[in-house]
Amino acid sequence: MAVTQRTRPSPDGDGHHAVAAPRRRQRINGWLTTTDHKRIGILYMVTATFFLLVGGSMAEIIRAQLANPNGSLVSFQMYNELITMHGTIMIFLFLMPMFAGIANFVLPLMIGAPDVAFPRINALSYWLVPFAGVLMVASFAVRGGAAAAGWTGYPPLSEQSAVLGEKGIDIWILGIVVLGASTLLGSVNFIATIFKMRAKGMTLFRMPLFVWAMLATSLIALLVIPVIAAALIMLFLDRNFGASLFDAKAGDPLLYQHMFWFFGHPEVYILILPAFGVVTEIIPVFSGKRIFGYRFFVLSFMAITALSFSVWAHHMFTTGVVLLPFFSTMTELISVPTGVNFFNWLATMWKGNIRLASPMLFSVGFLLMFLIGGLTGVFLGSVPVDLYLHATYFVVGHFHYVLFGGSVFAVFAGIYYWFPKITGRFLSERLAKVHFWIMFVGMNMTFLPMMELGLRGMQRRIASYDPSLGLTGLNRVATVGAYLIGISVAVFLVNVVVSMRRPASAPEDPWGGHTLEWSTSSPPPAHNFDTLLPVRSPQPLLDYREAREARAEVPTTVV
């Protein structure tokens, strides 16, 4: 006689709620304890999106403050806190975790691996991110408020609040050190995975270019994260134990600048090299061609990695203590490998069968916006130009053309490209294009006026300005543009929510991809692959497709 297990009846008497609740708990526990690289990648991306909203909200308040001269929306102290936390959040809690999430999901698939080399360390590297993020955002509630010395944290400004017993910067220091530990763990994991877990036949020069970009990024991170951690620990000692390492009377404040920018300029490449890798995967697929100049891309990524350590002092031209001709020359030189990438992207698109689907649209937007950011960077590498424009809104505009027009556009290109693989669902192309055009217009309305404001002498990090200076009109245009960017992000979120409510319907290879991740199911199984294609080039799926088409075209002989 069969024994039927009874469940406690739900309010409607069918027992459904009693069964569903444990299942929900199991699903939640599964996500909280997972070591699967795909789930950890999704967690990274969801967390980064949350902090995009937090940091973006701060940007909207900043722009609202500057829409009118003598703005009074927030106090000057709160304005400085928002400036500091906005920059910190967007760099350390949005862009870096977002690229880590994309790489966590797709990199093992691209190289035919079942997981990353160290799954538990991978989980730890993720959980450090929300811990540090919540800690830093909570610092607004401590005595004296959040850190207010700018995202660079220069002393003596960053040391002055210690006299008053204010702890915002101490929490900020702790948060960045924890995030640095997360990045170091992730970088070691990526490097080990790339070198030890590639599929049979995948030599180094058969790896997809996104993998090369993440290898270069991880190498940079391993070398510069310890430097910024050391600088921040020294700053913490100054603030709390009287070490006087950066005190002008007993130490050297410029030592902090050297240490910060030895990290800070390579950090730009930590944020832009993954963007290069993303668009380099997308452009050939939507151009209907193989990538042009594969080995030149690899050499370019490695050249950028090496040269990134030799340009930090162009941020310090105005100090008068650095060798101006050397660092100016190195700054101009690092633009060469980036220029090689541009010519290769354009050559890949030349005479191609271009499809302007959303991933390609954002990739083209990346090319246009990053080109402006790169060219303005060349100007700032000139000593006399930099002496005039240093610490003005021209630098703010340049920086955002690089990291918003570059990295953020590439982030959305990657999300639209790999979303079917990650979820098994398509995002709406119509909403995606609305998202792109609103963001494209909003970005240029926000940051192009900033360059003109800088040329007119408007200094960055000021909470108000005199109405007689003639800066009001451009600031209002920039504010409208910032709110357009916010609307575009809202469109993206609506697109994601609507798409996730639909049933999974994406095939294995919806775009006609070139690399291994498109040869498995969407979403992939727990073990990633049932079978692996032979790898004879950086585009094994394209090789397989072309070979299959060639066999189909061979005429059969009738006997």
Protein backbone atom coordinates (compact mmCIF):
# COMPACT_ATOMS: atom_id res chain seq x y z
CA MET A 1 0.00 0.00 0.00
CA ALA A 2 1.51 3.32 -1.03
CA VAL A 3 1.98 5.97 1.62
CA THR A 4 1.14 9.49 0.50
CA GLN A 5 3.06 12.32 2.19
CA ARG A 6 0.70 15.05 3.26
CA THR A 7 1.53 18.73 3.17
CA ARG A 8 0.01 21.40 5.34
CA PRO A 9 -2.87 22.87 3.37
CA SER A 10 -2.56 26.41 2.13
CA PRO A 11 -5.33 28.96 2.68
CA ASP A 12 -7.00 27.77 -0.49
CA GLY A 13 -6.71 24.16 0.62
CA ASP A 14 -4.48 22.83 -2.17
CA GLY A 15 -1.16 22.58 -0.36
CA HIS A 16 0.55 24.59 -3.10
CA HIS A 17 1.99 27.29 -0.85
CA ALA A 18 3.48 24.74 1.54
CA VAL A 19 5.34 23.04 -1.32
CA ALA A 20 6.39 26.25 -3.07
CA ALA A 21 7.96 27.88 0.00
CA PRO A 22 10.71 25.23 0.51
CA ARG A 23 11.42 25.31 -3.20
CA ARG A 24 11.85 29.07 -3.09
CA ARG A 25 14.18 28.70 -0.11
CA GLN A 26 16.18 26.07 -1.98
CA ARG A 27 16.50 28.34 -5.01
CA ILE A 28 17.61 31.26 -2.85
CA ASN A 29 20.09 29.08 -0.95
CA GLY A 30 21.35 27.77 -4.26
CA TRP A 31 22.19 31.30 -5.42
CA LEU A 32 23.71 32.29 -2.06
CA THR A 33 26.02 29.27 -1.89
CA THR A 34 26.77 28.75 -5.58
CA THR A 35 30.26 28.26 -6.97
CA ASP A 36 29.05 27.93 -10.58
CA HIS A 37 30.85 30.57 -12.65
CA LYS A 38 27.67 31.30 -14.63
CA ARG A 39 25.59 32.09 -11.55
CA ILE A 40 28.41 34.12 -10.02
CA GLY A 41 28.65 36.07 -13.27
CA ILE A 42 24.93 36.85 -13.09
CA LEU A 43 25.27 37.91 -9.43
CA TYR A 44 28.11 40.25 -10.38
CA MET A 45 26.04 41.81 -13.17
CA VAL A 46 22.90 42.26 -11.03
CA THR A 47 24.96 43.81 -8.23
CA ALA A 48 26.74 46.13 -10.64
CA THR A 49 23.39 47.23 -12.09
CA PHE A 50 22.15 48.07 -8.60
CA PHE A 51 25.19 50.25 -7.95
CA LEU A 52 24.76 51.85 -11.38
CA LEU A 53 21.40 53.08 -10.13
CA VAL A 54 22.91 54.29 -6.84
CA GLY A 55 25.84 56.08 -8.45
CA GLY A 56 23.69 57.39 -11.29
CA SER A 57 21.19 58.87 -8.82
CA MET A 58 24.06 60.78 -7.23
CA ALA A 59 25.05 62.11 -10.66
CA GLU A 60 21.51 63.36 -11.24
CA ILE A 61 21.60 65.27 -7.94
CA ILE A 62 24.97 66.77 -8.86
CA ARG A 63 23.66 67.95 -12.22
CA ALA A 64 20.49 69.35 -10.63
CA GLN A 65 22.68 71.34 -8.24
CA LEU A 66 24.66 72.82 -11.16
CA ALA A 67 21.67 73.59 -13.38
CA ASN A 68 21.46 77.04 -11.80
CA PRO A 69 24.22 79.35 -10.54
CA ASN A 70 24.47 79.57 -6.78
CA GLY A 71 22.56 76.27 -6.55
CA SER A 72 21.22 75.35 -3.14
CA LEU A 73 19.72 71.89 -3.65
CA VAL A 74 22.34 70.35 -1.35
CA SER A 75 24.95 71.78 1.01
CA PHE A 76 28.54 72.17 -0.15
CA GLN A 77 29.58 69.35 2.21
CA MET A 78 26.95 67.00 0.80
CA TYR A 79 27.93 68.00 -2.74
CA ASN A 80 31.53 66.98 -2.05
CA GLU A 81 30.34 63.69 -0.58
CA LEU A 82 28.21 63.01 -3.66
CA ILE A 83 31.09 63.86 -6.01
CA THR A 84 33.41 61.49 -4.13
CA MET A 85 30.98 58.61 -3.83
CA HIS A 86 29.65 58.94 -7.39
CA GLY A 87 33.13 58.52 -8.86
CA THR A 88 34.03 55.71 -6.48
CA ILE A 89 30.80 53.77 -7.04
CA MET A 90 30.78 54.06 -10.82
CA ILE A 91 34.38 52.85 -11.13
CA PHE A 92 34.75 50.29 -8.33
CA LEU A 93 31.17 49.10 -7.87
CA PHE A 94 29.68 49.34 -11.35
CA LEU A 95 32.21 49.07 -14.18
CA MET A 96 34.74 46.72 -12.58
CA PRO A 97 32.13 44.25 -11.22
CA MET A 98 30.13 44.43 -14.46
CA PHE A 99 33.09 43.41 -16.61
CA ALA A 100 34.02 40.79 -13.98
CA GLY A 101 30.48 39.42 -14.30
CA ILE A 102 30.53 39.28 -18.08
CA ALA A 103 33.94 37.61 -18.00
CA ASN A 104 32.85 35.16 -15.30
CA PHE A 105 29.97 33.98 -17.45
CA VAL A 106 31.48 33.87 -20.94
CA LEU A 107 35.25 33.42 -20.52
CA PRO A 108 35.17 29.74 -19.42
CA LEU A 109 32.65 29.04 -22.20
CA MET A 110 34.88 30.75 -24.77
CA ILE A 111 37.84 28.54 -23.92
CA GLY A 112 35.80 25.34 -23.55
CA ALA A 113 36.29 25.03 -19.77
CA PRO A 114 33.69 23.53 -17.38
CA ASP A 115 34.29 26.25 -14.76
CA VAL A 116 36.96 28.65 -13.51
CA ALA A 117 40.13 27.29 -11.93
CA PHE A 118 39.16 28.17 -8.32
CA PRO A 119 35.36 28.16 -7.93
CA ARG A 120 35.28 28.84 -4.18
CA ILE A 121 37.73 31.72 -4.45
CA ASN A 122 35.56 33.01 -7.29
CA ALA A 123 32.54 33.03 -4.97
CA LEU A 124 34.54 34.83 -2.28
CA SER A 125 35.69 37.47 -4.77
CA TYR A 126 32.05 38.20 -5.60
CA TRP A 127 30.73 38.39 -2.02
CA LEU A 128 33.39 40.94 -1.10
CA VAL A 129 31.78 43.36 -3.60
CA PRO A 130 28.30 43.82 -2.05
CA PHE A 131 29.88 43.85 1.43
CA ALA A 132 32.20 46.73 0.50
CA GLY A 133 29.49 48.52 -1.47
CA VAL A 134 26.94 48.48 1.35
CA LEU A 135 29.65 49.56 3.78
CA MET A 136 30.63 52.56 1.64
CA VAL A 137 27.06 53.70 0.97
CA ALA A 138 26.23 53.36 4.68
CA SER A 139 29.04 55.82 5.44
CA PHE A 140 26.62 58.65 4.61
CA ALA A 141 25.06 57.93 8.02
CA VAL A 142 28.23 58.14 10.14
CA ARG A 143 29.49 61.22 11.93
CA GLY A 144 30.64 63.83 9.42
CA GLY A 145 29.08 61.94 6.50
CA ALA A 146 30.70 59.99 3.69
CA ALA A 147 34.15 60.65 2.21
CA ALA A 148 34.31 64.13 0.71
CA ALA A 149 37.87 64.46 -0.62
CA GLY A 150 37.20 63.42 -4.21
CA TRP A 151 37.55 59.89 -5.61
CA THR A 152 41.33 60.41 -5.65
CA GLY A 153 41.49 61.06 -1.90
CA TYR A 154 44.40 63.51 -2.07
CA PRO A 155 45.99 64.58 1.22
CA PRO A 156 46.03 66.95 3.01
CA LEU A 157 42.29 67.27 2.27
CA SER A 158 41.67 63.60 3.00
CA GLU A 159 43.52 63.90 6.32
CA GLN A 160 41.86 67.04 7.67
CA SER A 161 38.58 65.39 8.68
CA ALA A 162 40.48 63.02 11.00
CA VAL A 163 41.09 65.92 13.38
CA LEU A 164 37.31 66.27 13.81
CA GLY A 165 36.83 62.55 14.41
CA GLU A 166 34.98 62.04 11.11
CA LYS A 167 35.11 58.45 9.87
CA GLY A 168 33.72 58.67 6.32
CA ILE A 169 37.13 58.47 4.65
CA ASP A 170 38.22 55.60 6.92
CA ILE A 171 35.20 53.60 5.74
CA TRP A 172 35.94 54.65 2.16
CA ILE A 173 39.52 53.37 2.55
CA LEU A 174 38.32 50.07 3.98
CA GLY A 175 35.79 49.66 1.16
CA ILE A 176 38.34 50.22 -1.61
CA VAL A 177 40.89 47.88 0.02
CA VAL A 178 38.23 45.14 0.23
CA LEU A 179 37.26 45.75 -3.41
CA GLY A 180 40.93 45.58 -4.33
CA ALA A 181 41.18 42.19 -2.64
CA SER A 182 38.18 41.05 -4.68
CA THR A 183 39.83 42.21 -7.89
CA LEU A 184 43.12 40.47 -7.02
CA LEU A 185 41.35 37.17 -6.33
CA GLY A 186 39.38 37.46 -9.55
CA SER A 187 42.49 38.31 -11.57
CA VAL A 188 44.42 35.30 -10.26
CA ASN A 189 41.41 33.12 -11.06
CA PHE A 190 41.11 34.41 -14.63
CA ILE A 191 44.83 33.99 -15.30
CA ALA A 192 44.88 30.44 -13.93
CA THR A 193 41.74 29.56 -15.90
CA ILE A 194 43.15 30.95 -19.14
CA PHE A 195 46.49 29.17 -18.83
CA LYS A 196 45.35 25.85 -17.37
CA MET A 197 41.79 25.11 -18.54
CA ARG A 198 41.66 25.79 -22.28
CA ALA A 199 40.09 23.17 -24.50
CA LYS A 200 42.24 20.79 -26.50
CA GLY A 201 43.64 22.54 -29.53
CA MET A 202 43.15 26.05 -28.16
CA THR A 203 46.66 27.46 -28.17
CA LEU A 204 47.29 30.98 -26.92
CA PHE A 205 46.96 32.37 -30.44
CA ARG A 206 43.67 30.57 -30.94
CA MET A 207 42.02 32.21 -27.94
CA PRO A 208 39.16 34.65 -28.59
CA LEU A 209 40.21 38.27 -28.33
CA PHE A 210 37.92 38.91 -25.36
CA VAL A 211 39.98 36.31 -23.49
CA TRP A 212 43.19 38.12 -24.44
CA ALA A 213 41.66 41.40 -23.24
CA MET A 214 40.78 39.87 -19.86
CA LEU A 215 44.26 38.37 -19.58
CA ALA A 216 45.79 41.82 -20.14
CA THR A 217 43.34 43.38 -17.67
CA SER A 218 44.15 40.79 -15.01
CA LEU A 219 47.90 41.29 -15.40
CA ILE A 220 47.52 45.05 -14.94
CA ALA A 221 45.31 44.56 -11.87
CA LEU A 222 47.83 42.21 -10.24
CA LEU A 223 50.54 44.86 -10.51
CA VAL A 224 48.66 48.03 -9.55
CA ILE A 225 46.06 46.99 -6.95
CA PRO A 226 48.74 46.37 -4.28
CA VAL A 227 50.09 49.89 -4.89
CA ILE A 228 46.77 51.65 -4.24
CA ALA A 229 46.14 49.36 -1.27
CA ALA A 230 49.50 50.38 0.19
CA ALA A 231 48.78 54.09 -0.41
CA LEU A 232 45.39 53.85 1.29
CA ILE A 233 46.78 51.92 4.25
CA MET A 234 49.43 54.63 4.64
CA LEU A 235 46.68 57.26 4.50
CA PHE A 236 44.74 55.33 7.16
CA LEU A 237 47.85 55.27 9.37
CA ASP A 238 48.23 59.02 8.92
CA ARG A 239 44.62 59.65 9.88
CA ASN A 240 44.42 57.37 12.89
CA PHE A 241 47.93 56.75 14.23
CA GLY A 242 49.85 59.95 13.47
CA ALA A 243 52.21 58.33 10.97
CA SER A 244 52.72 61.63 9.04
CA LEU A 245 53.70 59.76 5.87
CA PHE A 246 51.85 62.25 3.66
CA ASP A 247 52.07 65.24 6.02
CA ALA A 248 53.89 68.16 4.35
CA LYS A 249 55.86 68.88 7.55
CA ALA A 250 57.23 65.39 8.13
CA GLY A 251 56.37 63.41 4.99
CA ASP A 252 55.57 64.00 1.33
CA PRO A 253 52.01 64.63 0.06
CA LEU A 254 53.20 64.13 -3.53
CA LEU A 255 54.18 60.56 -2.69
CA TYR A 256 50.47 59.79 -2.41
CA GLN A 257 49.86 61.30 -5.85
CA HIS A 258 52.60 59.14 -7.36
CA MET A 259 51.19 56.01 -5.75
CA PHE A 260 47.60 56.85 -6.61
CA TRP A 261 48.26 57.60 -10.26
CA PHE A 262 50.58 54.61 -10.67
CA PHE A 263 47.34 52.77 -9.99
CA GLY A 264 44.93 55.36 -11.38
CA HIS A 265 46.05 55.51 -14.98
CA PRO A 266 46.42 51.74 -15.49
CA GLU A 267 42.96 51.58 -13.86
CA VAL A 268 41.61 53.32 -16.97
CA TYR A 269 42.90 50.37 -19.00
CA ILE A 270 41.45 47.91 -16.48
CA LEU A 271 38.12 49.50 -17.43
CA ILE A 272 38.70 49.93 -21.18
CA LEU A 273 40.54 46.74 -22.21
CA PRO A 274 37.50 44.53 -21.43
CA ALA A 275 35.44 46.99 -23.50
CA PHE A 276 37.89 46.50 -26.38
CA GLY A 277 37.45 42.76 -26.00
CA VAL A 278 33.65 42.96 -26.03
CA VAL A 279 33.36 45.04 -29.20
CA THR A 280 36.09 42.98 -30.88
CA GLU A 281 33.88 39.90 -30.46
CA ILE A 282 30.75 41.68 -31.67
CA ILE A 283 31.96 43.62 -34.73
CA PRO A 284 33.05 40.61 -36.87
CA VAL A 285 29.83 38.71 -36.09
CA PHE A 286 27.60 41.58 -37.20
CA SER A 287 29.87 42.43 -40.15
CA GLY A 288 29.65 38.89 -41.50
CA LYS A 289 33.46 38.61 -41.62
CA ARG A 290 36.40 37.26 -39.70
CA ILE A 291 38.25 39.68 -37.49
CA PHE A 292 40.89 41.67 -39.34
CA GLY A 293 44.39 41.67 -37.83
CA TYR A 294 43.98 39.14 -35.01
CA ARG A 295 47.66 39.12 -34.05
CA PHE A 296 47.83 42.91 -34.21
CA PHE A 297 44.99 43.04 -31.68
CA VAL A 298 46.91 40.71 -29.37
CA LEU A 299 50.10 42.76 -29.69
CA SER A 300 48.11 45.95 -29.16
CA PHE A 301 46.54 44.64 -25.93
CA MET A 302 49.96 43.61 -24.63
CA ALA A 303 51.54 46.93 -25.67
CA ILE A 304 48.81 48.85 -23.83
CA THR A 305 49.45 46.66 -20.78
CA ALA A 306 53.18 47.45 -20.80
CA LEU A 307 52.88 51.15 -21.62
CA SER A 308 50.13 51.78 -19.06
CA PHE A 309 52.76 51.76 -16.28
CA SER A 310 54.79 54.58 -17.85
CA VAL A 311 52.22 57.39 -18.17
CA TRP A 312 50.97 57.99 -14.61
CA ALA A 313 52.76 61.30 -14.08
CA HIS A 314 50.92 63.15 -16.85
CA HIS A 315 48.29 63.66 -14.14
CA MET A 316 50.98 65.56 -12.21
CA PHE A 317 52.30 68.02 -14.81
CA THR A 318 51.16 70.99 -12.71
CA THR A 319 53.15 69.83 -9.66
CA GLY A 320 56.45 70.67 -11.36
CA VAL A 321 58.21 67.62 -9.87
CA VAL A 322 57.96 65.17 -12.79
CA LEU A 323 59.95 64.89 -16.01
CA LEU A 324 57.55 66.60 -18.40
CA PRO A 325 59.06 65.60 -21.81
CA PHE A 326 59.28 61.89 -20.89
CA PHE A 327 55.74 61.51 -19.59
CA SER A 328 54.31 63.65 -22.38
CA THR A 329 56.04 61.42 -24.96
CA MET A 330 54.85 58.21 -23.29
CA THR A 331 51.29 59.56 -23.13
CA GLU A 332 51.30 60.19 -26.87
CA LEU A 333 52.96 56.82 -27.52
CA ILE A 334 50.25 54.79 -25.78
CA SER A 335 47.73 56.16 -28.29
CA VAL A 336 49.47 54.16 -31.05
CA PRO A 337 48.27 50.65 -30.10
CA THR A 338 44.78 52.06 -29.55
CA GLY A 339 44.91 53.56 -33.04
CA VAL A 340 45.88 50.12 -34.39
CA ASN A 341 42.71 48.72 -32.79
CA PHE A 342 40.58 51.38 -34.48
CA PHE A 343 42.00 50.65 -37.92
CA ASN A 344 41.42 46.92 -37.38
CA TRP A 345 37.81 47.46 -36.28
CA LEU A 346 37.15 49.63 -39.33
CA ALA A 347 38.90 47.15 -41.62
CA THR A 348 36.72 44.36 -40.21
CA MET A 349 33.59 46.38 -41.02
CA TRP A 350 34.85 47.45 -44.46
CA LYS A 351 32.72 45.87 -47.22
CA GLY A 352 31.04 43.67 -44.62
CA ASN A 353 27.42 42.65 -44.52
CA ILE A 354 26.68 44.88 -41.52
CA ARG A 355 23.61 44.17 -39.38
CA LEU A 356 22.73 47.04 -37.04
CA ALA A 357 21.17 44.93 -34.31
CA SER A 358 21.46 46.32 -30.80
CA PRO A 359 24.89 44.82 -29.95
CA MET A 360 26.39 46.28 -33.13
CA LEU A 361 24.63 49.61 -32.61
CA PHE A 362 26.19 50.01 -29.17
CA SER A 363 29.55 48.88 -30.55
CA VAL A 364 29.46 51.58 -33.24
CA GLY A 365 28.46 54.08 -30.56
CA PHE A 366 31.48 52.91 -28.58
CA LEU A 367 33.78 53.57 -31.56
CA LEU A 368 32.46 57.10 -32.06
CA MET A 369 32.45 58.12 -28.39
CA PHE A 370 35.75 56.53 -27.45
CA LEU A 371 37.37 58.20 -30.45
CA ILE A 372 36.40 61.60 -29.03
CA GLY A 373 37.68 60.57 -25.60
CA GLY A 374 40.95 59.32 -27.03
CA LEU A 375 41.61 62.40 -29.16
CA THR A 376 40.95 64.77 -26.24
CA GLY A 377 43.36 62.65 -24.20
CA VAL A 378 46.04 63.31 -26.79
CA PHE A 379 45.49 67.04 -26.24
CA LEU A 380 45.84 66.62 -22.48
CA GLY A 381 49.12 64.77 -23.02
CA SER A 382 50.58 68.04 -24.28
CA VAL A 383 52.17 69.86 -21.35
CA PRO A 384 51.12 73.45 -22.21
CA VAL A 385 47.54 72.38 -22.97
CA ASP A 386 47.35 70.37 -19.75
CA LEU A 387 48.68 73.26 -17.68
CA TYR A 388 45.73 75.35 -18.88
CA LEU A 389 43.02 72.66 -18.70
CA HIS A 390 44.11 70.78 -15.57
CA ALA A 391 41.30 70.36 -13.00
CA THR A 392 38.71 71.94 -15.31
CA TYR A 393 35.51 70.48 -16.70
CA PHE A 394 37.37 69.69 -19.92
CA VAL A 395 39.05 66.84 -18.03
CA VAL A 396 35.66 65.70 -16.68
CA GLY A 397 34.24 65.63 -20.21
CA HIS A 398 37.28 63.77 -21.58
CA PHE A 399 37.17 61.23 -18.75
CA HIS A 400 33.48 60.50 -19.30
CA TYR A 401 33.87 60.15 -23.06
CA VAL A 402 36.44 57.45 -22.33
CA LEU A 403 34.65 55.63 -19.51
CA PHE A 404 31.01 56.32 -20.35
CA GLY A 405 31.20 56.60 -24.12
CA GLY A 406 33.74 53.80 -24.09
CA SER A 407 33.24 51.36 -21.24
CA VAL A 408 29.51 51.86 -20.56
CA PHE A 409 28.51 51.62 -24.24
CA ALA A 410 30.58 48.42 -24.46
CA VAL A 411 28.87 47.08 -21.33
CA PHE A 412 25.46 47.45 -22.95
CA ALA A 413 26.77 46.02 -26.24
CA GLY A 414 27.93 42.95 -24.32
CA ILE A 415 24.67 42.62 -22.38
CA TYR A 416 22.53 42.75 -25.53
CA TYR A 417 24.91 40.31 -27.26
CA TRP A 418 25.15 37.66 -24.53
CA PHE A 419 21.73 38.10 -22.90
CA PRO A 420 20.18 35.29 -25.03
CA LYS A 421 23.04 32.99 -24.02
CA ILE A 422 22.76 33.92 -20.33
CA THR A 423 18.97 33.71 -19.98
CA GLY A 424 17.66 31.88 -23.05
CA ARG A 425 15.57 34.96 -23.84
CA PHE A 426 15.83 37.84 -26.27
CA LEU A 427 15.69 41.47 -25.25
CA SER A 428 13.34 43.60 -27.32
CA GLU A 429 15.20 45.10 -30.27
CA ARG A 430 12.77 48.00 -30.44
CA LEU A 431 13.33 48.98 -26.80
CA ALA A 432 17.06 48.39 -27.23
CA LYS A 433 17.23 50.92 -30.04
CA VAL A 434 15.18 53.42 -28.06
CA HIS A 435 17.65 52.87 -25.22
CA PHE A 436 20.62 53.46 -27.53
CA TRP A 437 19.42 56.66 -29.15
CA ILE A 438 18.29 58.29 -25.90
CA MET A 439 21.60 57.38 -24.26
CA PHE A 440 23.63 58.49 -27.28
CA VAL A 441 21.94 61.90 -27.41
CA GLY A 442 21.97 62.28 -23.62
CA MET A 443 25.63 61.42 -23.34
CA ASN A 444 26.71 64.01 -25.89
CA MET A 445 24.39 66.63 -24.39
CA THR A 446 25.97 65.98 -20.99
CA PHE A 447 29.67 65.73 -21.66
CA LEU A 448 30.32 67.79 -24.79
CA PRO A 449 29.19 71.01 -23.03
CA MET A 450 31.54 70.11 -20.18
CA MET A 451 34.50 70.42 -22.51
CA GLU A 452 33.39 73.91 -23.54
CA LEU A 453 32.85 74.78 -19.87
CA GLY A 454 36.41 73.68 -19.19
CA LEU A 455 37.74 75.81 -22.03
CA ARG A 456 35.91 78.74 -20.42
CA GLY A 457 37.68 78.03 -17.15
CA MET A 458 35.01 76.27 -15.06
CA GLN A 459 36.77 74.23 -12.37
CA ARG A 460 35.56 70.77 -11.46
CA ARG A 461 34.28 69.85 -7.98
CA ILE A 462 32.60 73.21 -7.38
CA ALA A 463 29.06 73.29 -6.03
CA SER A 464 28.13 76.75 -7.36
CA TYR A 465 29.31 79.40 -9.81
CA ASP A 466 28.77 83.08 -10.45
CA PRO A 467 25.91 83.82 -12.90
CA SER A 468 27.99 86.58 -14.53
CA LEU A 469 30.48 84.01 -15.89
CA GLY A 470 28.12 82.92 -18.67
CA LEU A 471 28.19 79.22 -17.70
CA THR A 472 24.49 78.74 -16.94
CA GLY A 473 23.25 77.75 -20.41
CA LEU A 474 25.83 75.00 -20.95
CA ASN A 475 25.29 73.65 -17.46
CA ARG A 476 21.55 73.41 -18.09
CA VAL A 477 22.12 71.54 -21.35
CA ALA A 478 24.40 69.13 -19.49
CA THR A 479 21.75 68.62 -16.81
CA VAL A 480 19.05 67.81 -19.40
CA GLY A 481 21.46 65.35 -21.00
CA ALA A 482 22.11 63.66 -17.65
CA TYR A 483 18.38 63.12 -17.15
CA LEU A 484 18.10 61.68 -20.66
CA ILE A 485 20.79 59.16 -19.70
CA GLY A 486 18.70 58.27 -16.65
CA ILE A 487 15.64 57.74 -18.85
CA SER A 488 17.65 55.51 -21.18
CA VAL A 489 18.73 53.30 -18.28
CA ALA A 490 15.07 53.07 -17.19
CA VAL A 491 14.17 51.89 -20.72
CA PHE A 492 16.86 49.20 -20.43
CA LEU A 493 15.51 47.99 -17.09
CA VAL A 494 11.96 47.83 -18.47
CA ASN A 495 13.32 45.79 -21.37
CA VAL A 496 14.99 43.31 -19.01
CA VAL A 497 11.91 42.93 -16.78
CA VAL A 498 9.54 42.44 -19.72
CA SER A 499 11.88 39.96 -21.42
CA MET A 500 12.40 37.87 -18.28
CA ARG A 501 8.63 37.39 -18.00
CA ARG A 502 8.58 35.65 -21.37
CA PRO A 503 9.40 31.96 -21.85
CA ALA A 504 12.93 31.04 -22.88
CA SER A 505 13.08 30.77 -26.66
CA ALA A 506 16.63 31.70 -27.72
CA PRO A 507 18.45 29.06 -29.78
CA GLU A 508 22.06 28.08 -29.24
CA ASP A 509 23.40 30.54 -31.80
CA PRO A 510 20.93 33.39 -32.42
CA TRP A 511 23.48 35.85 -33.87
CA GLY A 512 25.66 33.54 -35.96
CA GLY A 513 28.51 33.68 -33.46
CA HIS A 514 32.12 32.70 -34.05
CA THR A 515 33.27 31.35 -30.69
CA LEU A 516 32.61 28.30 -28.55
CA GLU A 517 29.99 29.75 -26.18
CA TRP A 518 27.52 29.79 -29.09
CA SER A 519 27.90 26.03 -29.64
CA THR A 520 26.14 25.07 -26.39
CA SER A 521 22.55 25.54 -25.26
CA SER A 522 21.04 28.86 -24.14
CA PRO A 523 21.38 29.01 -21.17
CA PRO A 524 24.26 26.53 -20.92
CA PRO A 525 23.97 23.35 -18.82
CA ALA A 526 25.72 23.06 -15.46
CA HIS A 527 28.72 21.36 -17.10
CA ASN A 528 28.74 23.92 -19.98
CA PHE A 529 29.22 21.51 -22.92
CA ASP A 530 28.00 18.09 -23.95
CA THR A 531 30.52 17.99 -26.81
CA LEU A 532 33.24 20.39 -27.89
CA LEU A 533 33.98 21.45 -31.43
CA PRO A 534 37.55 21.00 -32.69
CA VAL A 535 39.57 24.19 -32.25
CA ARG A 536 41.77 25.13 -35.19
CA SER A 537 41.45 28.94 -35.10
CA PRO A 538 40.13 31.73 -32.82
CA GLN A 539 36.68 31.21 -34.45
CA PRO A 540 35.95 27.46 -34.08
CA LEU A 541 32.17 27.76 -34.53
CA LEU A 542 32.63 29.79 -37.71
CA ASP A 543 35.10 27.16 -38.96
CA TYR A 544 32.54 24.43 -38.28
CA ARG A 545 29.75 26.36 -39.99
CA GLU A 546 31.85 27.08 -43.09
CA ALA A 547 32.99 23.44 -43.31
CA ARG A 548 29.39 22.24 -43.03
CA GLU A 549 28.29 24.66 -45.78
CA ALA A 550 31.19 23.54 -47.98
CA ARG A 551 30.16 19.89 -47.58
CA ALA A 552 26.57 20.78 -48.44
CA GLU A 553 27.71 22.46 -51.66
CA VAL A 554 29.70 19.46 -52.90
CA PRO A 555 27.60 17.81 -55.69
CA THR A 556 26.77 14.17 -55.24
CA THR A 557 27.51 11.72 -58.07
CA VAL A 558 24.66 9.54 -59.24
CA VAL A 559 25.85 6.07 -60.20
